[in-house]
Amino acid sequence: MGDETREKNLAAVRRFVDGYKSGGDESIADEILDPGFANRSTLPGVPPDAEGAKNLFRVMRGAFPDLHVTIEDMLCDGDEVVTRQTFSGTHLGTYLGVPGTGRRVAWGVIDILRLKEGRAIEHWSEANVLSLLEQIGGLPSGQFDASRP
């Protein structure tokens, strides 16, 4: 892969995160997500396609209307771009069964997007959902304290 393709892939992912994940502009999702997009890490009940990914973010924006995603690190290897991101927002609507709390929360996510000609064709993700659930009161605080047996 040449430098031009690498830079195009990095720019596409940055545009997707800044303009769509943080900015909520679905036209950017339509531009970046290939019609054959496959989400390999979708939640149960969420279709593993582009529409499923957009619906998931609609739900997140309903729960966290001020959702913001910050790219902490971004690496490109071949046709894959890996980002370590921090999601943050104010929990105002129901999310994962927990009604809005008004709490400001942040959680980490690692995404891998495989791109072809600047469009995302595959996605894998790992999110720190335990941390998020603890912050919004979905789990008792300190339940996963490693210092206790």
C-alpha atoms as a PDB file:
ATOM      1  CA  MET A   1       0.000   0.000   0.000  1.00  0.00           C
ATOM      2  CA  GLY A   2       1.392   3.367  -0.974  1.00  0.00           C
ATOM      3  CA  ASP A   3       1.598   6.493   1.158  1.00  0.00           C
ATOM      4  CA  GLU A   4      -1.257   8.065  -0.800  1.00  0.00           C
ATOM      5  CA  THR A   5      -3.644   5.196   0.040  1.00  0.00           C
ATOM      6  CA  ARG A   6      -2.488   5.208   3.667  1.00  0.00           C
ATOM      7  CA  GLU A   7      -3.164   8.937   3.995  1.00  0.00           C
ATOM      8  CA  LYS A   8      -6.548   8.550   2.270  1.00  0.00           C
ATOM      9  CA  ASN A   9      -7.547   5.801   4.742  1.00  0.00           C
ATOM     10  CA  LEU A  10      -6.393   7.797   7.773  1.00  0.00           C
ATOM     11  CA  ALA A  11      -8.289  10.874   6.519  1.00  0.00           C
ATOM     12  CA  ALA A  12     -11.456   8.824   5.925  1.00  0.00           C
ATOM     13  CA  VAL A  13     -11.396   7.403   9.460  1.00  0.00           C
ATOM     14  CA  ARG A  14     -10.718  10.815  11.014  1.00  0.00           C
ATOM     15  CA  ARG A  15     -13.613  12.297   8.984  1.00  0.00           C
ATOM     16  CA  PHE A  16     -15.865   9.425  10.103  1.00  0.00           C
ATOM     17  CA  VAL A  17     -15.007   9.882  13.786  1.00  0.00           C
ATOM     18  CA  ASP A  18     -15.059  13.684  13.850  1.00  0.00           C
ATOM     19  CA  GLY A  19     -17.924  14.327  11.443  1.00  0.00           C
ATOM     20  CA  TYR A  20     -20.177  11.376  12.112  1.00  0.00           C
ATOM     21  CA  LYS A  21     -19.469   9.857  15.534  1.00  0.00           C
ATOM     22  CA  SER A  22     -18.963  13.245  17.210  1.00  0.00           C
ATOM     23  CA  GLY A  23     -20.800  15.505  14.791  1.00  0.00           C
ATOM     24  CA  GLY A  24     -23.782  13.304  13.999  1.00  0.00           C
ATOM     25  CA  ASP A  25     -23.697  14.006  10.249  1.00  0.00           C
ATOM     26  CA  GLU A  26     -25.219  10.839   8.759  1.00  0.00           C
ATOM     27  CA  SER A  27     -24.246  11.919   5.236  1.00  0.00           C
ATOM     28  CA  ILE A  28     -20.635  11.269   6.288  1.00  0.00           C
ATOM     29  CA  ALA A  29     -21.568   7.761   7.447  1.00  0.00           C
ATOM     30  CA  ASP A  30     -23.246   7.184   4.075  1.00  0.00           C
ATOM     31  CA  GLU A  31     -20.108   8.415   2.327  1.00  0.00           C
ATOM     32  CA  ILE A  32     -17.624   6.332   4.359  1.00  0.00           C
ATOM     33  CA  LEU A  33     -19.559   3.103   5.031  1.00  0.00           C
ATOM     34  CA  ASP A  34     -19.481   0.893   1.955  1.00  0.00           C
ATOM     35  CA  PRO A  35     -22.838  -0.634   0.873  1.00  0.00           C
ATOM     36  CA  GLY A  36     -21.348  -4.053   1.731  1.00  0.00           C
ATOM     37  CA  PHE A  37     -20.078  -2.885   5.155  1.00  0.00           C
ATOM     38  CA  ALA A  38     -19.868  -5.700   7.742  1.00  0.00           C
ATOM     39  CA  ASN A  39     -19.749  -4.951  11.470  1.00  0.00           C
ATOM     40  CA  ARG A  40     -18.029  -7.948  13.060  1.00  0.00           C
ATOM     41  CA  SER A  41     -18.594  -6.635  16.617  1.00  0.00           C
ATOM     42  CA  THR A  42     -22.201  -5.571  16.604  1.00  0.00           C
ATOM     43  CA  LEU A  43     -24.418  -5.951  19.665  1.00  0.00           C
ATOM     44  CA  PRO A  44     -26.979  -8.758  19.834  1.00  0.00           C
ATOM     45  CA  GLY A  45     -30.091  -7.797  17.890  1.00  0.00           C
ATOM     46  CA  VAL A  46     -28.316  -5.094  15.862  1.00  0.00           C
ATOM     47  CA  PRO A  47     -27.939  -5.898  12.147  1.00  0.00           C
ATOM     48  CA  PRO A  48     -24.232  -6.171  11.212  1.00  0.00           C
ATOM     49  CA  ASP A  49     -24.531  -3.715   8.325  1.00  0.00           C
ATOM     50  CA  ALA A  50     -24.248   0.046   7.771  1.00  0.00           C
ATOM     51  CA  GLU A  51     -27.858   0.709   8.768  1.00  0.00           C
ATOM     52  CA  GLY A  52     -27.367  -1.242  11.998  1.00  0.00           C
ATOM     53  CA  ALA A  53     -24.261   0.831  12.799  1.00  0.00           C
ATOM     54  CA  LYS A  54     -26.151   4.066  12.161  1.00  0.00           C
ATOM     55  CA  ASN A  55     -29.082   2.900  14.306  1.00  0.00           C
ATOM     56  CA  LEU A  56     -26.707   2.098  17.163  1.00  0.00           C
ATOM     57  CA  PHE A  57     -25.350   5.653  17.041  1.00  0.00           C
ATOM     58  CA  ARG A  58     -28.898   7.063  16.926  1.00  0.00           C
ATOM     59  CA  VAL A  59     -29.597   5.196  20.176  1.00  0.00           C
ATOM     60  CA  MET A  60     -26.324   6.440  21.694  1.00  0.00           C
ATOM     61  CA  ARG A  61     -27.124  10.037  20.716  1.00  0.00           C
ATOM     62  CA  GLY A  62     -30.559   9.647  22.300  1.00  0.00           C
ATOM     63  CA  ALA A  63     -28.904   8.635  25.562  1.00  0.00           C
ATOM     64  CA  PHE A  64     -25.892  10.965  25.265  1.00  0.00           C
ATOM     65  CA  PRO A  65     -27.061  13.991  23.217  1.00  0.00           C
ATOM     66  CA  ASP A  66     -23.669  15.693  23.603  1.00  0.00           C
ATOM     67  CA  LEU A  67     -21.730  12.568  22.566  1.00  0.00           C
ATOM     68  CA  HIS A  68     -18.146  13.371  21.668  1.00  0.00           C
ATOM     69  CA  VAL A  69     -15.482  10.962  20.437  1.00  0.00           C
ATOM     70  CA  THR A  70     -11.801  11.819  20.736  1.00  0.00           C
ATOM     71  CA  ILE A  71      -9.142   9.913  18.823  1.00  0.00           C
ATOM     72  CA  GLU A  72      -6.312   9.239  21.273  1.00  0.00           C
ATOM     73  CA  ASP A  73      -4.167   7.119  18.908  1.00  0.00           C
ATOM     74  CA  MET A  74      -4.495   6.133  15.252  1.00  0.00           C
ATOM     75  CA  LEU A  75      -2.406   3.548  13.411  1.00  0.00           C
ATOM     76  CA  CYS A  76      -2.580   2.266   9.854  1.00  0.00           C
ATOM     77  CA  ASP A  77      -1.351  -1.158   8.778  1.00  0.00           C
ATOM     78  CA  GLY A  78      -2.134  -2.153   5.224  1.00  0.00           C
ATOM     79  CA  ASP A  79      -5.841  -1.608   4.604  1.00  0.00           C
ATOM     80  CA  GLU A  80      -6.706  -1.447   8.326  1.00  0.00           C
ATOM     81  CA  VAL A  81      -6.883   1.643  10.518  1.00  0.00           C
ATOM     82  CA  VAL A  82      -6.871   1.153  14.289  1.00  0.00           C
ATOM     83  CA  THR A  83      -8.048   3.911  16.612  1.00  0.00           C
ATOM     84  CA  ARG A  84      -8.067   4.146  20.385  1.00  0.00           C
ATOM     85  CA  GLN A  85     -10.900   6.490  21.234  1.00  0.00           C
ATOM     86  CA  THR A  86     -12.503   8.089  24.250  1.00  0.00           C
ATOM     87  CA  PHE A  87     -16.285   8.409  24.080  1.00  0.00           C
ATOM     88  CA  SER A  88     -17.795  10.978  26.438  1.00  0.00           C
ATOM     89  CA  GLY A  89     -21.151  12.576  27.061  1.00  0.00           C
ATOM     90  CA  THR A  90     -23.886  13.355  29.522  1.00  0.00           C
ATOM     91  CA  HIS A  91     -26.208  10.431  30.247  1.00  0.00           C
ATOM     92  CA  LEU A  92     -29.645  11.995  29.714  1.00  0.00           C
ATOM     93  CA  GLY A  93     -31.613   9.147  28.095  1.00  0.00           C
ATOM     94  CA  THR A  94     -31.975   5.407  28.645  1.00  0.00           C
ATOM     95  CA  TYR A  95     -28.966   3.358  27.578  1.00  0.00           C
ATOM     96  CA  LEU A  96     -28.435  -0.374  28.111  1.00  0.00           C
ATOM     97  CA  GLY A  97     -31.622  -0.368  30.173  1.00  0.00           C
ATOM     98  CA  VAL A  98     -30.448   2.381  32.541  1.00  0.00           C
ATOM     99  CA  PRO A  99     -32.563   5.570  32.564  1.00  0.00           C
ATOM    100  CA  GLY A 100     -30.756   8.892  32.192  1.00  0.00           C
ATOM    101  CA  THR A 101     -28.817   9.976  35.268  1.00  0.00           C
ATOM    102  CA  GLY A 102     -27.480  13.373  34.240  1.00  0.00           C
ATOM    103  CA  ARG A 103     -23.967  12.082  34.899  1.00  0.00           C
ATOM    104  CA  ARG A 104     -21.044  13.060  32.696  1.00  0.00           C
ATOM    105  CA  VAL A 105     -19.292   9.842  31.649  1.00  0.00           C
ATOM    106  CA  ALA A 106     -16.349   8.651  29.537  1.00  0.00           C
ATOM    107  CA  TRP A 107     -15.322   5.213  28.301  1.00  0.00           C
ATOM    108  CA  GLY A 108     -12.672   3.762  26.056  1.00  0.00           C
ATOM    109  CA  VAL A 109     -13.143   2.076  22.676  1.00  0.00           C
ATOM    110  CA  ILE A 110     -10.685   0.462  20.285  1.00  0.00           C
ATOM    111  CA  ASP A 111     -11.891   0.252  16.675  1.00  0.00           C
ATOM    112  CA  ILE A 112     -10.408  -1.465  13.652  1.00  0.00           C
ATOM    113  CA  LEU A 113     -11.752  -0.467  10.247  1.00  0.00           C
ATOM    114  CA  ARG A 114     -10.729  -2.218   7.054  1.00  0.00           C
ATOM    115  CA  LEU A 115     -11.007   0.107   4.087  1.00  0.00           C
ATOM    116  CA  LYS A 116     -11.076  -0.257   0.346  1.00  0.00           C
ATOM    117  CA  GLU A 117     -10.737   2.829  -1.829  1.00  0.00           C
ATOM    118  CA  GLY A 118     -11.412   5.086   1.171  1.00  0.00           C
ATOM    119  CA  ARG A 119     -14.607   3.298   2.252  1.00  0.00           C
ATOM    120  CA  ALA A 120     -15.067   1.165   5.363  1.00  0.00           C
ATOM    121  CA  ILE A 121     -15.875  -2.429   4.445  1.00  0.00           C
ATOM    122  CA  GLU A 122     -15.309  -4.198   7.789  1.00  0.00           C
ATOM    123  CA  HIS A 123     -15.295  -3.217  11.458  1.00  0.00           C
ATOM    124  CA  TRP A 124     -14.208  -4.757  14.769  1.00  0.00           C
ATOM    125  CA  SER A 125     -14.499  -3.046  18.144  1.00  0.00           C
ATOM    126  CA  GLU A 126     -13.764  -3.470  21.840  1.00  0.00           C
ATOM    127  CA  ALA A 127     -15.510  -1.089  24.237  1.00  0.00           C
ATOM    128  CA  ASN A 128     -15.141  -0.738  28.004  1.00  0.00           C
ATOM    129  CA  VAL A 129     -18.849  -1.273  28.642  1.00  0.00           C
ATOM    130  CA  LEU A 130     -18.257  -2.337  32.269  1.00  0.00           C
ATOM    131  CA  SER A 131     -16.786   1.081  33.023  1.00  0.00           C
ATOM    132  CA  LEU A 132     -19.711   2.807  31.312  1.00  0.00           C
ATOM    133  CA  LEU A 133     -22.292   0.707  33.171  1.00  0.00           C
ATOM    134  CA  GLU A 134     -20.606   1.427  36.499  1.00  0.00           C
ATOM    135  CA  GLN A 135     -20.590   5.176  35.756  1.00  0.00           C
ATOM    136  CA  ILE A 136     -24.310   5.285  34.871  1.00  0.00           C
ATOM    137  CA  GLY A 137     -25.334   3.120  37.826  1.00  0.00           C
ATOM    138  CA  GLY A 138     -25.963  -0.082  35.896  1.00  0.00           C
ATOM    139  CA  LEU A 139     -23.554  -1.915  38.208  1.00  0.00           C
ATOM    140  CA  PRO A 140     -22.784  -1.418  41.885  1.00  0.00           C
ATOM    141  CA  SER A 141     -19.755   0.827  42.284  1.00  0.00           C
ATOM    142  CA  GLY A 142     -16.559  -1.073  42.985  1.00  0.00           C
ATOM    143  CA  GLN A 143     -18.053  -4.453  42.092  1.00  0.00           C
ATOM    144  CA  PHE A 144     -14.984  -5.327  40.033  1.00  0.00           C
ATOM    145  CA  ASP A 145     -12.362  -4.253  42.553  1.00  0.00           C
ATOM    146  CA  ALA A 146      -9.289  -6.374  41.809  1.00  0.00           C
ATOM    147  CA  SER A 147      -7.883  -5.715  45.283  1.00  0.00           C
ATOM    148  CA  ARG A 148     -10.636  -7.863  46.855  1.00  0.00           C
ATOM    149  CA  PRO A 149     -10.860 -11.650  46.493  1.00  0.00           C
END
